C-alpha atoms as a PDB file:
ATOM      1  CA  MET A   1      -4.845  -4.075  -4.506  1.00  0.00           C
ATOM      2  CA  LEU A   2      -7.636  -2.169  -2.587  1.00  0.00           C
ATOM      3  CA  CYS A   3      -4.839  -0.015  -0.837  1.00  0.00           C
ATOM      4  CA  VAL A   4      -3.507   1.137  -4.250  1.00  0.00           C
ATOM      5  CA  SER A   5      -6.995   2.126  -5.607  1.00  0.00           C
ATOM      6  CA  VAL A   6      -7.590   4.490  -2.452  1.00  0.00           C
ATOM      7  CA  CYS A   7      -4.435   6.204  -2.117  1.00  0.00           C
ATOM      8  CA  PRO A   8      -5.196   9.876  -3.094  1.00  0.00           C
ATOM      9  CA  LYS A   9      -1.384  10.487  -3.862  1.00  0.00           C
ATOM     10  CA  GLY A  10      -0.582   7.369  -5.844  1.00  0.00           C
ATOM     11  CA  GLN A  11       2.055   6.452  -3.455  1.00  0.00           C
ATOM     12  CA  LEU A  12       1.425   2.665  -3.697  1.00  0.00           C
ATOM     13  CA  ARG A  13       2.061   0.347  -6.423  1.00  0.00           C
ATOM     14  CA  GLU A  14       2.247  -3.245  -7.293  1.00  0.00           C
ATOM     15  CA  ASP A  15       5.682  -4.702  -7.357  1.00  0.00           C
ATOM     16  CA  LYS A  16       6.877  -6.299 -10.576  1.00  0.00           C
ATOM     17  CA  GLY A  17       8.109  -9.711  -8.751  1.00  0.00           C
ATOM     18  CA  LEU A  18       6.478 -12.204  -6.455  1.00  0.00           C
ATOM     19  CA  ASN A  19       7.427 -12.774  -2.989  1.00  0.00           C
ATOM     20  CA  LYS A  20       7.895 -16.176  -1.508  1.00  0.00           C
ATOM     21  CA  ARG A  21       4.363 -17.017  -1.095  1.00  0.00           C
ATOM     22  CA  GLY A  22       3.822 -16.174  -5.091  1.00  0.00           C
ATOM     23  CA  ILE A  23       1.876 -13.051  -4.392  1.00  0.00           C
ATOM     24  CA  LYS A  24       2.761  -9.621  -5.909  1.00  0.00           C
ATOM     25  CA  PRO A  25       3.460  -7.199  -2.853  1.00  0.00           C
ATOM     26  CA  ILE A  26       2.708  -3.578  -2.702  1.00  0.00           C
ATOM     27  CA  LYS A  27       5.333  -0.964  -2.998  1.00  0.00           C
ATOM     28  CA  PHE A  28       5.217   2.190  -1.046  1.00  0.00           C
ATOM     29  CA  LEU A  29       6.973   5.050  -2.977  1.00  0.00           C
ATOM     30  CA  GLY A  30       6.851   7.442   0.318  1.00  0.00           C
ATOM     31  CA  LYS A  31       7.348  10.721  -1.757  1.00  0.00           C
ATOM     32  CA  ASN A  32       4.331  12.458  -1.114  1.00  0.00           C
ATOM     33  CA  CYS A  33       2.439  10.594   1.427  1.00  0.00           C
ATOM     34  CA  THR A  34       0.212  12.729   3.707  1.00  0.00           C
ATOM     35  CA  GLY A  35      -0.571   9.974   6.483  1.00  0.00           C
ATOM     36  CA  CYS A  36      -4.257   9.969   5.501  1.00  0.00           C
ATOM     37  CA  ALA A  37      -4.423   6.096   6.397  1.00  0.00           C
ATOM     38  CA  LEU A  38      -6.951   5.246   3.891  1.00  0.00           C
ATOM     39  CA  CYS A  39      -4.698   2.423   2.844  1.00  0.00           C
ATOM     40  CA  ALA A  40      -4.548   0.884   6.271  1.00  0.00           C
ATOM     41  CA  VAL A  41      -8.306   1.091   6.827  1.00  0.00           C
ATOM     42  CA  ILE A  42      -9.057  -0.834   3.728  1.00  0.00           C
ATOM     43  CA  CYS A  43      -6.501  -3.192   3.893  1.00  0.00           C
ATOM     44  CA  PRO A  44      -7.956  -6.800   4.208  1.00  0.00           C
ATOM     45  CA  ASP A  45      -4.925  -8.215   5.838  1.00  0.00           C
ATOM     46  CA  VAL A  46      -4.157  -5.529   8.390  1.00  0.00           C
ATOM     47  CA  ALA A  47      -0.757  -5.301   6.970  1.00  0.00           C
ATOM     48  CA  ILE A  48      -0.280  -1.685   7.113  1.00  0.00           C
ATOM     49  CA  GLU A  49       0.762   0.933   9.762  1.00  0.00           C
ATOM     50  CA  VAL A  50       0.642   4.566   9.297  1.00  0.00           C
ATOM     51  CA  TYR A  51       2.675   6.606  11.345  1.00  0.00           C
ATOM     52  CA  LYS A  52       2.367  10.408  11.385  1.00  0.00           C
END
């Protein structure tokens, strides 16, 4: 949930359902993403890649 808290445009949300591992994944809305990559920098699992 760290990535959700740092997104300046609010483009990341916690998904409602659980994935196969029992974890609530993050959903990318993608409407107004500026490509700042703050989400990728703060992600402890290194699970986010940002392409400009």
